[in-house]
Amino acid sequence: MRGGGHRGAALPLLAGLLAVAATAGCGIRETDVPVDAGPAPTRASCDAPPRGDYHTEVYLVCGQRVESVARVLSEPLDEAQDRTGVAVTLLDQLQAEPEEAERTAGFTSAVPSNLRIEPPVEGDGDRVVRLNRRPSEIDELALTQIICTFANSASLGSGGDKVTLGGPAGSGAESDKPHTYSCRAAMRSPEGARSFG
């Protein structure tokens, strides 16, 4: 009776020793040489960063009013140095087909595709933006889009509300001279786009 009891007590001890021996003999030998196992695992998704992280604000037509819409650009506007380039980029944005989400929301653009930025002429000053058409000849909603989009630009506008626009350099008649336009006045009514700030 006693011999069976000793064997019963020895079995768990023997099983424990076998388990230790099995884990110790897993094929990895102890060494004094440091082993580089690589960096610790991270939770990085490895997704490429989204392109077009630069935003600008343009004004589009919705119904019979003009509202601001955020647009994503492929590169930043060089507000500090290239005013003509900024004006061209913003005009391109106004002339582009509205994006799918904008169309779904009811946005369109009235800015004609043949409108262009003209180079400044002597005496224009540093805030005049010239177009290849007189502002008075441009559709009122389109003119409001241009006024508000350009006025919102740090290099083209003044205080976020006003911008000075001119038509092509010509006879020097009063109607050809640049005038300062107010976005707030233009937004109040389509006719307000033609008033000077």
N, C-alpha and C. Protein backbone atom coordinates (compact mmCIF):
# COMPACT_ATOMS: atom_id res chain seq x y z
N MET A 1 0.82 -1.20 0.00
CA MET A 1 0.00 0.00 0.00
C MET A 1 0.85 1.24 0.00
N ARG A 2 1.93 1.18 0.83
CA ARG A 2 2.75 2.38 0.89
C ARG A 2 3.48 2.62 -0.42
N GLY A 3 3.98 1.51 -1.10
CA GLY A 3 4.73 1.67 -2.34
C GLY A 3 3.89 2.36 -3.39
N GLY A 4 2.59 2.02 -3.47
CA GLY A 4 1.72 2.67 -4.45
C GLY A 4 1.57 4.14 -4.18
N GLY A 5 1.57 4.52 -2.89
CA GLY A 5 1.43 5.93 -2.54
C GLY A 5 2.62 6.73 -2.97
N HIS A 6 3.83 6.13 -2.82
CA HIS A 6 5.05 6.85 -3.25
C HIS A 6 5.06 7.05 -4.75
N ARG A 7 4.60 5.98 -5.47
CA ARG A 7 4.59 6.11 -6.93
C ARG A 7 3.62 7.19 -7.36
N GLY A 8 2.46 7.29 -6.69
CA GLY A 8 1.47 8.33 -7.03
C GLY A 8 2.02 9.73 -6.79
N ALA A 9 2.82 9.91 -5.76
CA ALA A 9 3.38 11.24 -5.46
C ALA A 9 4.51 11.58 -6.41
N ALA A 10 5.21 10.54 -6.90
CA ALA A 10 6.36 10.80 -7.77
C ALA A 10 5.94 11.16 -9.18
N LEU A 11 4.75 10.71 -9.60
CA LEU A 11 4.31 10.97 -10.98
C LEU A 11 4.19 12.46 -11.31
N PRO A 12 3.55 13.29 -10.48
CA PRO A 12 3.50 14.72 -10.81
C PRO A 12 4.88 15.35 -10.85
N LEU A 13 5.78 14.90 -9.95
CA LEU A 13 7.14 15.45 -9.93
C LEU A 13 7.87 15.11 -11.21
N LEU A 14 7.72 13.87 -11.67
CA LEU A 14 8.36 13.43 -12.90
C LEU A 14 7.80 14.18 -14.11
N ALA A 15 6.51 14.42 -14.16
CA ALA A 15 5.88 15.16 -15.26
C ALA A 15 6.41 16.59 -15.32
N GLY A 16 6.59 17.21 -14.15
CA GLY A 16 7.12 18.57 -14.10
C GLY A 16 8.54 18.65 -14.62
N LEU A 17 9.38 17.65 -14.23
CA LEU A 17 10.77 17.63 -14.71
C LEU A 17 10.83 17.44 -16.22
N LEU A 18 9.97 16.60 -16.75
CA LEU A 18 9.94 16.38 -18.20
C LEU A 18 9.53 17.64 -18.95
N ALA A 19 8.58 18.39 -18.40
CA ALA A 19 8.14 19.63 -19.05
C ALA A 19 9.27 20.65 -19.09
N VAL A 20 10.03 20.76 -17.98
CA VAL A 20 11.17 21.68 -17.94
C VAL A 20 12.21 21.27 -18.96
N ALA A 21 12.48 19.97 -19.05
CA ALA A 21 13.48 19.47 -19.99
C ALA A 21 13.04 19.73 -21.43
N ALA A 22 11.75 19.59 -21.69
CA ALA A 22 11.25 19.78 -23.06
C ALA A 22 11.40 21.23 -23.50
N THR A 23 11.08 22.17 -22.61
CA THR A 23 11.19 23.58 -22.98
C THR A 23 12.63 24.02 -23.05
N ALA A 24 13.50 23.43 -22.24
CA ALA A 24 14.91 23.81 -22.28
C ALA A 24 15.57 23.31 -23.55
N GLY A 25 15.08 22.22 -24.12
CA GLY A 25 15.69 21.67 -25.31
C GLY A 25 14.96 22.06 -26.57
N CYS A 26 14.56 23.33 -26.74
CA CYS A 26 13.78 23.74 -27.91
C CYS A 26 14.66 24.14 -29.08
N GLY A 27 15.96 23.95 -28.97
CA GLY A 27 16.83 24.24 -30.10
C GLY A 27 17.53 25.58 -30.01
N ILE A 28 17.23 26.41 -29.05
CA ILE A 28 17.89 27.71 -28.89
C ILE A 28 18.96 27.57 -27.82
N ARG A 29 20.18 27.79 -28.22
CA ARG A 29 21.28 27.65 -27.27
C ARG A 29 21.59 28.97 -26.62
N GLU A 30 21.97 28.90 -25.40
CA GLU A 30 22.35 30.09 -24.66
C GLU A 30 23.67 30.62 -25.22
N THR A 31 23.80 31.94 -25.33
CA THR A 31 25.03 32.55 -25.86
C THR A 31 25.32 33.85 -25.15
N ASP A 32 26.60 34.22 -25.14
CA ASP A 32 26.99 35.50 -24.55
C ASP A 32 26.99 36.62 -25.59
N VAL A 33 26.82 36.28 -26.87
CA VAL A 33 26.84 37.28 -27.94
C VAL A 33 25.46 37.92 -28.05
N PRO A 34 25.38 39.28 -28.05
CA PRO A 34 24.06 39.91 -28.18
C PRO A 34 23.45 39.64 -29.55
N VAL A 35 22.18 39.40 -29.59
CA VAL A 35 21.47 39.08 -30.83
C VAL A 35 20.53 40.23 -31.17
N ASP A 36 20.62 40.73 -32.42
CA ASP A 36 19.73 41.80 -32.88
C ASP A 36 18.47 41.17 -33.45
N ALA A 37 17.39 41.29 -32.73
CA ALA A 37 16.12 40.70 -33.18
C ALA A 37 15.28 41.70 -33.96
N GLY A 38 15.84 42.87 -34.30
CA GLY A 38 15.09 43.87 -35.05
C GLY A 38 14.28 44.76 -34.14
N PRO A 39 13.65 45.80 -34.73
CA PRO A 39 12.87 46.73 -33.91
C PRO A 39 11.61 46.07 -33.36
N ALA A 40 11.14 46.64 -32.29
CA ALA A 40 9.91 46.13 -31.69
C ALA A 40 8.76 46.34 -32.66
N PRO A 41 7.79 45.45 -32.66
CA PRO A 41 6.65 45.62 -33.58
C PRO A 41 5.88 46.90 -33.26
N THR A 42 5.35 47.54 -34.30
CA THR A 42 4.57 48.76 -34.12
C THR A 42 3.16 48.54 -34.67
N ARG A 43 2.31 49.56 -34.47
CA ARG A 43 0.94 49.49 -34.98
C ARG A 43 0.79 50.32 -36.26
N ALA A 44 1.88 50.61 -36.98
CA ALA A 44 1.81 51.41 -38.21
C ALA A 44 0.96 50.70 -39.25
N SER A 45 0.14 51.47 -39.96
CA SER A 45 -0.74 50.87 -40.97
C SER A 45 -0.03 50.66 -42.29
N CYS A 46 1.10 51.37 -42.49
CA CYS A 46 1.86 51.31 -43.75
C CYS A 46 1.05 51.86 -44.92
N ASP A 47 -0.01 52.59 -44.66
CA ASP A 47 -0.75 53.25 -45.73
C ASP A 47 0.00 54.50 -46.15
N ALA A 48 0.03 54.77 -47.46
CA ALA A 48 0.68 55.99 -47.94
C ALA A 48 -0.09 57.20 -47.42
N PRO A 49 0.61 58.28 -47.05
CA PRO A 49 -0.11 59.47 -46.58
C PRO A 49 -0.97 60.04 -47.70
N PRO A 50 -2.12 60.60 -47.36
CA PRO A 50 -2.99 61.14 -48.40
C PRO A 50 -2.32 62.29 -49.13
N ARG A 51 -2.55 62.36 -50.44
CA ARG A 51 -1.98 63.45 -51.23
C ARG A 51 -2.95 64.62 -51.23
N GLY A 52 -2.40 65.82 -51.43
CA GLY A 52 -3.26 67.00 -51.51
C GLY A 52 -3.71 67.50 -50.17
N ASP A 53 -2.75 67.72 -49.28
CA ASP A 53 -3.08 68.19 -47.94
C ASP A 53 -3.23 69.71 -47.88
N TYR A 54 -3.14 70.39 -49.01
CA TYR A 54 -3.20 71.85 -49.02
C TYR A 54 -4.61 72.27 -49.43
N HIS A 55 -5.17 73.16 -48.63
CA HIS A 55 -6.55 73.57 -48.87
C HIS A 55 -6.62 75.05 -49.24
N THR A 56 -7.62 75.39 -50.01
CA THR A 56 -7.94 76.78 -50.27
C THR A 56 -9.46 76.90 -50.30
N GLU A 57 -9.93 78.13 -50.23
CA GLU A 57 -11.36 78.37 -50.22
C GLU A 57 -11.76 79.04 -51.53
N VAL A 58 -12.73 78.46 -52.22
CA VAL A 58 -13.27 79.08 -53.42
C VAL A 58 -14.76 79.28 -53.22
N TYR A 59 -15.32 80.17 -54.01
CA TYR A 59 -16.75 80.48 -53.90
C TYR A 59 -17.47 79.96 -55.14
N LEU A 60 -18.49 79.12 -54.90
CA LEU A 60 -19.27 78.53 -55.98
C LEU A 60 -20.73 78.96 -55.86
N VAL A 61 -21.46 78.75 -56.94
CA VAL A 61 -22.88 79.13 -56.99
C VAL A 61 -23.73 77.95 -56.54
N CYS A 62 -24.69 78.25 -55.65
CA CYS A 62 -25.68 77.25 -55.23
C CYS A 62 -27.04 77.95 -55.29
N GLY A 63 -27.86 77.56 -56.25
CA GLY A 63 -29.10 78.29 -56.47
C GLY A 63 -28.78 79.64 -57.08
N GLN A 64 -29.18 80.69 -56.41
CA GLN A 64 -28.87 82.05 -56.88
C GLN A 64 -28.00 82.79 -55.88
N ARG A 65 -27.25 82.04 -55.09
CA ARG A 65 -26.34 82.67 -54.14
C ARG A 65 -24.95 82.03 -54.28
N VAL A 66 -23.97 82.71 -53.71
CA VAL A 66 -22.58 82.25 -53.78
C VAL A 66 -22.13 81.87 -52.38
N GLU A 67 -21.51 80.68 -52.25
CA GLU A 67 -21.06 80.19 -50.95
C GLU A 67 -19.65 79.64 -51.05
N SER A 68 -18.94 79.67 -49.93
CA SER A 68 -17.56 79.19 -49.92
C SER A 68 -17.52 77.66 -49.83
N VAL A 69 -16.52 77.09 -50.50
CA VAL A 69 -16.30 75.64 -50.52
C VAL A 69 -14.80 75.41 -50.36
N ALA A 70 -14.42 74.45 -49.51
CA ALA A 70 -13.00 74.11 -49.34
C ALA A 70 -12.57 73.20 -50.47
N ARG A 71 -11.45 73.53 -51.07
CA ARG A 71 -10.88 72.71 -52.15
C ARG A 71 -9.51 72.22 -51.73
N VAL A 72 -9.18 70.98 -52.11
CA VAL A 72 -7.87 70.40 -51.84
C VAL A 72 -6.97 70.65 -53.04
N LEU A 73 -5.76 71.16 -52.79
CA LEU A 73 -4.79 71.43 -53.85
C LEU A 73 -3.66 70.41 -53.78
N SER A 74 -3.01 70.18 -54.91
CA SER A 74 -1.89 69.23 -54.94
C SER A 74 -0.62 69.84 -54.37
N GLU A 75 -0.54 71.17 -54.33
CA GLU A 75 0.62 71.85 -53.75
C GLU A 75 0.17 73.17 -53.16
N PRO A 76 0.95 73.73 -52.24
CA PRO A 76 0.51 74.97 -51.58
C PRO A 76 0.59 76.16 -52.52
N LEU A 77 -0.28 77.14 -52.30
CA LEU A 77 -0.19 78.40 -53.02
C LEU A 77 0.99 79.19 -52.48
N ASP A 78 1.78 79.75 -53.36
CA ASP A 78 2.92 80.56 -52.93
C ASP A 78 2.43 81.99 -52.70
N GLU A 79 1.70 82.17 -51.60
CA GLU A 79 1.06 83.46 -51.31
C GLU A 79 2.07 84.60 -51.18
N ALA A 80 3.28 84.29 -50.71
CA ALA A 80 4.24 85.36 -50.41
C ALA A 80 4.92 85.92 -51.64
N GLN A 81 5.10 85.13 -52.70
CA GLN A 81 5.95 85.58 -53.80
C GLN A 81 5.24 85.73 -55.14
N ASP A 82 4.44 84.75 -55.54
CA ASP A 82 3.93 84.73 -56.91
C ASP A 82 2.44 85.08 -56.95
N ARG A 83 2.13 86.38 -56.98
CA ARG A 83 0.73 86.81 -56.95
C ARG A 83 -0.01 86.39 -58.22
N THR A 84 0.66 86.53 -59.36
CA THR A 84 0.01 86.14 -60.62
C THR A 84 -0.29 84.65 -60.63
N GLY A 85 0.66 83.86 -60.13
CA GLY A 85 0.44 82.41 -60.05
C GLY A 85 -0.72 82.06 -59.14
N VAL A 86 -0.85 82.78 -58.03
CA VAL A 86 -1.98 82.56 -57.11
C VAL A 86 -3.29 82.87 -57.82
N ALA A 87 -3.34 84.01 -58.52
CA ALA A 87 -4.56 84.40 -59.24
C ALA A 87 -4.92 83.37 -60.30
N VAL A 88 -3.92 82.88 -61.04
CA VAL A 88 -4.17 81.87 -62.08
C VAL A 88 -4.71 80.58 -61.46
N THR A 89 -4.09 80.14 -60.35
CA THR A 89 -4.54 78.91 -59.68
C THR A 89 -5.97 79.04 -59.18
N LEU A 90 -6.29 80.16 -58.56
CA LEU A 90 -7.65 80.35 -58.04
C LEU A 90 -8.67 80.44 -59.16
N LEU A 91 -8.32 81.13 -60.25
CA LEU A 91 -9.23 81.21 -61.39
C LEU A 91 -9.44 79.82 -62.00
N ASP A 92 -8.37 79.04 -62.10
CA ASP A 92 -8.49 77.66 -62.59
C ASP A 92 -9.46 76.86 -61.74
N GLN A 93 -9.39 77.04 -60.41
CA GLN A 93 -10.29 76.33 -59.51
C GLN A 93 -11.74 76.73 -59.76
N LEU A 94 -11.97 78.01 -60.03
CA LEU A 94 -13.33 78.48 -60.29
C LEU A 94 -13.86 77.97 -61.63
N GLN A 95 -12.96 77.77 -62.58
CA GLN A 95 -13.38 77.31 -63.91
C GLN A 95 -13.49 75.79 -64.01
N ALA A 96 -12.92 75.09 -63.06
CA ALA A 96 -12.95 73.62 -63.09
C ALA A 96 -14.36 73.11 -62.85
N GLU A 97 -14.63 71.93 -63.40
CA GLU A 97 -15.92 71.28 -63.13
C GLU A 97 -16.03 71.01 -61.63
N PRO A 98 -17.17 71.33 -61.01
CA PRO A 98 -17.32 71.00 -59.59
C PRO A 98 -17.10 69.51 -59.34
N GLU A 99 -16.52 69.20 -58.19
CA GLU A 99 -16.28 67.80 -57.84
C GLU A 99 -17.62 67.11 -57.57
N GLU A 100 -17.59 65.78 -57.54
CA GLU A 100 -18.83 65.01 -57.43
C GLU A 100 -19.63 65.40 -56.19
N ALA A 101 -18.94 65.53 -55.05
CA ALA A 101 -19.65 65.89 -53.81
C ALA A 101 -20.26 67.29 -53.93
N GLU A 102 -19.55 68.20 -54.62
CA GLU A 102 -20.08 69.55 -54.81
C GLU A 102 -21.31 69.53 -55.72
N ARG A 103 -21.23 68.75 -56.79
CA ARG A 103 -22.39 68.66 -57.71
C ARG A 103 -23.59 68.07 -56.99
N THR A 104 -23.34 67.04 -56.18
CA THR A 104 -24.44 66.41 -55.44
C THR A 104 -25.10 67.41 -54.50
N ALA A 105 -24.29 68.30 -53.93
CA ALA A 105 -24.83 69.32 -53.01
C ALA A 105 -25.47 70.48 -53.75
N GLY A 106 -25.37 70.50 -55.08
CA GLY A 106 -26.03 71.55 -55.86
C GLY A 106 -25.14 72.70 -56.28
N PHE A 107 -23.82 72.56 -56.14
CA PHE A 107 -22.91 73.65 -56.50
C PHE A 107 -22.56 73.61 -57.98
N THR A 108 -22.46 74.80 -58.57
CA THR A 108 -21.99 74.97 -59.95
C THR A 108 -21.06 76.18 -59.97
N SER A 109 -20.52 76.48 -61.14
CA SER A 109 -19.70 77.68 -61.29
C SER A 109 -20.17 78.44 -62.52
N ALA A 110 -20.27 79.76 -62.38
CA ALA A 110 -20.69 80.61 -63.50
C ALA A 110 -19.51 81.27 -64.19
N VAL A 111 -18.29 81.02 -63.70
CA VAL A 111 -17.10 81.68 -64.26
C VAL A 111 -16.81 81.10 -65.64
N PRO A 112 -16.73 81.95 -66.67
CA PRO A 112 -16.51 81.45 -68.03
C PRO A 112 -15.12 80.87 -68.22
N SER A 113 -15.03 79.85 -69.08
CA SER A 113 -13.75 79.16 -69.28
C SER A 113 -12.75 79.99 -70.06
N ASN A 114 -13.21 81.03 -70.76
CA ASN A 114 -12.28 81.85 -71.56
C ASN A 114 -11.75 83.07 -70.80
N LEU A 115 -12.07 83.17 -69.52
CA LEU A 115 -11.55 84.28 -68.72
C LEU A 115 -10.10 83.98 -68.35
N ARG A 116 -9.24 84.99 -68.42
CA ARG A 116 -7.82 84.81 -68.15
C ARG A 116 -7.28 85.93 -67.26
N ILE A 117 -6.17 85.64 -66.59
CA ILE A 117 -5.45 86.66 -65.82
C ILE A 117 -4.49 87.38 -66.76
N GLU A 118 -4.51 88.71 -66.71
CA GLU A 118 -3.61 89.53 -67.52
C GLU A 118 -2.44 90.01 -66.65
N PRO A 119 -1.28 90.25 -67.24
CA PRO A 119 -0.17 90.78 -66.44
C PRO A 119 -0.46 92.21 -65.99
N PRO A 120 0.09 92.61 -64.85
CA PRO A 120 -0.12 93.99 -64.39
C PRO A 120 0.57 94.98 -65.32
N VAL A 121 0.11 96.22 -65.27
CA VAL A 121 0.75 97.28 -66.06
C VAL A 121 1.36 98.29 -65.11
N GLU A 122 2.20 99.13 -65.63
CA GLU A 122 2.89 100.13 -64.80
C GLU A 122 1.86 101.02 -64.11
N GLY A 123 2.07 101.22 -62.83
CA GLY A 123 1.17 102.06 -62.05
C GLY A 123 0.03 101.31 -61.39
N ASP A 124 -0.06 100.00 -61.60
CA ASP A 124 -1.15 99.22 -61.01
C ASP A 124 -1.05 99.10 -59.50
N GLY A 125 0.13 99.16 -58.95
CA GLY A 125 0.27 98.89 -57.52
C GLY A 125 0.34 97.39 -57.28
N ASP A 126 0.51 97.02 -56.02
CA ASP A 126 0.75 95.61 -55.71
C ASP A 126 -0.52 94.83 -55.39
N ARG A 127 -1.69 95.43 -55.52
CA ARG A 127 -2.93 94.72 -55.18
C ARG A 127 -3.89 94.57 -56.35
N VAL A 128 -3.52 95.03 -57.53
CA VAL A 128 -4.43 94.98 -58.67
C VAL A 128 -4.33 93.62 -59.37
N VAL A 129 -5.48 93.03 -59.66
CA VAL A 129 -5.55 91.81 -60.46
C VAL A 129 -6.28 92.17 -61.76
N ARG A 130 -5.60 92.00 -62.88
CA ARG A 130 -6.21 92.32 -64.17
C ARG A 130 -6.72 91.06 -64.86
N LEU A 131 -7.89 91.21 -65.48
CA LEU A 131 -8.51 90.13 -66.24
C LEU A 131 -8.51 90.50 -67.72
N ASN A 132 -8.74 89.54 -68.60
CA ASN A 132 -8.79 89.84 -70.03
C ASN A 132 -10.15 90.40 -70.46
N ARG A 133 -11.05 90.58 -69.51
CA ARG A 133 -12.34 91.25 -69.75
C ARG A 133 -12.59 92.24 -68.64
N ARG A 134 -13.32 93.30 -68.95
CA ARG A 134 -13.69 94.26 -67.91
C ARG A 134 -14.61 93.56 -66.91
N PRO A 135 -14.44 93.84 -65.62
CA PRO A 135 -15.35 93.25 -64.63
C PRO A 135 -16.82 93.57 -64.92
N SER A 136 -17.10 94.75 -65.49
CA SER A 136 -18.48 95.13 -65.79
C SER A 136 -19.11 94.25 -66.86
N GLU A 137 -18.28 93.52 -67.62
CA GLU A 137 -18.79 92.66 -68.69
C GLU A 137 -19.00 91.21 -68.22
N ILE A 138 -18.65 90.93 -66.99
CA ILE A 138 -18.74 89.56 -66.47
C ILE A 138 -20.08 89.36 -65.77
N ASP A 139 -20.68 88.20 -65.95
CA ASP A 139 -21.93 87.84 -65.28
C ASP A 139 -21.82 88.13 -63.78
N GLU A 140 -22.90 88.62 -63.19
CA GLU A 140 -22.85 89.07 -61.80
C GLU A 140 -22.50 87.95 -60.82
N LEU A 141 -23.07 86.76 -61.02
CA LEU A 141 -22.73 85.65 -60.12
C LEU A 141 -21.27 85.24 -60.29
N ALA A 142 -20.80 85.20 -61.53
CA ALA A 142 -19.40 84.86 -61.77
C ALA A 142 -18.48 85.91 -61.16
N LEU A 143 -18.85 87.18 -61.29
CA LEU A 143 -18.03 88.25 -60.72
C LEU A 143 -18.00 88.14 -59.20
N THR A 144 -19.13 87.78 -58.59
CA THR A 144 -19.15 87.59 -57.13
C THR A 144 -18.22 86.44 -56.73
N GLN A 145 -18.24 85.36 -57.49
CA GLN A 145 -17.32 84.25 -57.21
C GLN A 145 -15.86 84.72 -57.23
N ILE A 146 -15.52 85.48 -58.26
CA ILE A 146 -14.14 85.96 -58.42
C ILE A 146 -13.77 86.92 -57.29
N ILE A 147 -14.65 87.88 -57.02
CA ILE A 147 -14.38 88.87 -55.97
C ILE A 147 -14.11 88.18 -54.64
N CYS A 148 -15.01 87.28 -54.24
CA CYS A 148 -14.89 86.67 -52.92
C CYS A 148 -13.73 85.69 -52.83
N THR A 149 -13.49 84.93 -53.90
CA THR A 149 -12.36 83.99 -53.89
C THR A 149 -11.04 84.74 -53.82
N PHE A 150 -10.89 85.79 -54.63
CA PHE A 150 -9.64 86.57 -54.63
C PHE A 150 -9.49 87.37 -53.34
N ALA A 151 -10.60 87.93 -52.83
CA ALA A 151 -10.52 88.73 -51.60
C ALA A 151 -10.09 87.88 -50.42
N ASN A 152 -10.41 86.59 -50.46
CA ASN A 152 -10.06 85.68 -49.37
C ASN A 152 -8.58 85.28 -49.40
N SER A 153 -7.88 85.59 -50.49
CA SER A 153 -6.47 85.25 -50.62
C SER A 153 -5.60 86.29 -49.92
N ALA A 154 -4.61 85.81 -49.18
CA ALA A 154 -3.73 86.73 -48.43
C ALA A 154 -2.95 87.65 -49.35
N SER A 155 -2.57 87.19 -50.54
CA SER A 155 -1.75 88.01 -51.42
C SER A 155 -2.56 88.83 -52.42
N LEU A 156 -3.82 88.47 -52.65
CA LEU A 156 -4.63 89.20 -53.62
C LEU A 156 -5.62 90.15 -52.97
N GLY A 157 -6.15 89.75 -51.83
CA GLY A 157 -7.22 90.51 -51.20
C GLY A 157 -6.74 91.48 -50.14
N SER A 158 -7.70 92.18 -49.59
CA SER A 158 -7.41 93.15 -48.54
C SER A 158 -8.37 92.90 -47.38
N GLY A 159 -7.85 92.36 -46.30
CA GLY A 159 -8.66 92.13 -45.11
C GLY A 159 -9.70 91.05 -45.27
N GLY A 160 -9.58 90.20 -46.29
CA GLY A 160 -10.53 89.11 -46.47
C GLY A 160 -11.84 89.53 -47.08
N ASP A 161 -12.03 90.82 -47.39
CA ASP A 161 -13.31 91.28 -47.93
C ASP A 161 -13.18 91.97 -49.28
N LYS A 162 -12.06 92.62 -49.55
CA LYS A 162 -11.96 93.45 -50.75
C LYS A 162 -10.83 93.00 -51.66
N VAL A 163 -11.04 93.22 -52.96
CA VAL A 163 -10.02 92.94 -53.96
C VAL A 163 -10.14 94.01 -55.05
N THR A 164 -9.01 94.38 -55.63
CA THR A 164 -8.99 95.38 -56.70
C THR A 164 -8.84 94.68 -58.03
N LEU A 165 -9.85 94.84 -58.89
CA LEU A 165 -9.87 94.18 -60.19
C LEU A 165 -9.85 95.21 -61.31
N GLY A 166 -9.22 94.84 -62.41
CA GLY A 166 -9.21 95.67 -63.60
C GLY A 166 -9.34 94.80 -64.83
N GLY A 167 -9.75 95.44 -65.93
CA GLY A 167 -9.82 94.73 -67.19
C GLY A 167 -8.49 94.85 -67.92
N PRO A 168 -8.46 94.50 -69.19
CA PRO A 168 -7.22 94.60 -69.96
C PRO A 168 -6.79 96.05 -70.09
N ALA A 169 -5.50 96.29 -70.04
CA ALA A 169 -4.98 97.65 -70.20
C ALA A 169 -5.35 98.15 -71.59
N GLY A 170 -5.86 99.40 -71.65
CA GLY A 170 -6.29 99.91 -72.95
C GLY A 170 -6.21 101.41 -73.02
N SER A 171 -7.35 102.03 -73.27
CA SER A 171 -7.40 103.45 -73.56
C SER A 171 -7.16 104.34 -72.36
N GLY A 172 -7.28 103.77 -71.17
CA GLY A 172 -7.14 104.60 -69.97
C GLY A 172 -8.44 105.29 -69.59
N ALA A 173 -9.53 104.92 -70.25
CA ALA A 173 -10.83 105.48 -69.91
C ALA A 173 -11.20 105.08 -68.49
N GLU A 174 -12.09 105.84 -67.89
CA GLU A 174 -12.48 105.60 -66.50
C GLU A 174 -12.96 104.17 -66.29
N SER A 175 -13.69 103.62 -67.28
CA SER A 175 -14.24 102.28 -67.12
C SER A 175 -13.16 101.21 -67.14
N ASP A 176 -11.96 101.53 -67.66
CA ASP A 176 -10.87 100.57 -67.73
C ASP A 176 -10.00 100.59 -66.49
N LYS A 177 -10.17 101.59 -65.65
CA LYS A 177 -9.33 101.70 -64.46
C LYS A 177 -9.73 100.64 -63.43
N PRO A 178 -8.76 100.11 -62.69
CA PRO A 178 -9.09 99.13 -61.65
C PRO A 178 -9.98 99.73 -60.57
N HIS A 179 -10.86 98.92 -60.03
CA HIS A 179 -11.73 99.33 -58.93
C HIS A 179 -11.66 98.27 -57.84
N THR A 180 -11.89 98.72 -56.61
CA THR A 180 -11.90 97.81 -55.46
C THR A 180 -13.33 97.36 -55.20
N TYR A 181 -13.51 96.05 -55.12
CA TYR A 181 -14.83 95.44 -54.93
C TYR A 181 -14.89 94.77 -53.57
N SER A 182 -16.08 94.80 -52.97
CA SER A 182 -16.31 94.20 -51.65
C SER A 182 -17.06 92.88 -51.79
N CYS A 183 -16.53 91.84 -51.16
CA CYS A 183 -17.21 90.54 -51.16
C CYS A 183 -18.53 90.64 -50.41
N ARG A 184 -18.55 91.33 -49.29
CA ARG A 184 -19.79 91.44 -48.51
C ARG A 184 -20.89 92.11 -49.32
N ALA A 185 -20.53 93.19 -50.03
CA ALA A 185 -21.53 93.88 -50.86
C ALA A 185 -22.00 92.98 -51.98
N ALA A 186 -21.08 92.23 -52.58
CA ALA A 186 -21.45 91.34 -53.68
C ALA A 186 -22.34 90.20 -53.20
N MET A 187 -22.11 89.72 -51.97
CA MET A 187 -22.89 88.61 -51.43
C MET A 187 -24.31 89.04 -51.07
N ARG A 188 -24.49 90.31 -50.75
CA ARG A 188 -25.82 90.78 -50.35
C ARG A 188 -26.82 90.65 -51.50
N SER A 189 -26.37 90.96 -52.71
CA SER A 189 -27.23 90.83 -53.88
C SER A 189 -26.35 90.73 -55.12
N PRO A 190 -26.83 90.09 -56.19
CA PRO A 190 -26.02 90.00 -57.40
C PRO A 190 -25.59 91.37 -57.92
N GLU A 191 -26.50 92.35 -57.80
CA GLU A 191 -26.17 93.69 -58.28
C GLU A 191 -25.03 94.31 -57.47
N GLY A 192 -24.89 93.84 -56.21
CA GLY A 192 -23.84 94.38 -55.35
C GLY A 192 -22.45 94.07 -55.84
N ALA A 193 -22.31 93.07 -56.71
CA ALA A 193 -20.99 92.71 -57.23
C ALA A 193 -20.39 93.86 -58.03
N ARG A 194 -21.24 94.71 -58.59
CA ARG A 194 -20.74 95.80 -59.43
C ARG A 194 -20.45 97.07 -58.64
N SER A 195 -20.77 97.07 -57.35
CA SER A 195 -20.49 98.26 -56.54
C SER A 195 -19.04 98.24 -56.09
N PHE A 196 -18.49 99.40 -55.88
CA PHE A 196 -17.09 99.52 -55.49
C PHE A 196 -16.98 99.66 -53.98
N GLY A 197 -15.97 99.01 -53.42
CA GLY A 197 -15.78 99.06 -51.98
C GLY A 197 -15.07 100.30 -51.53
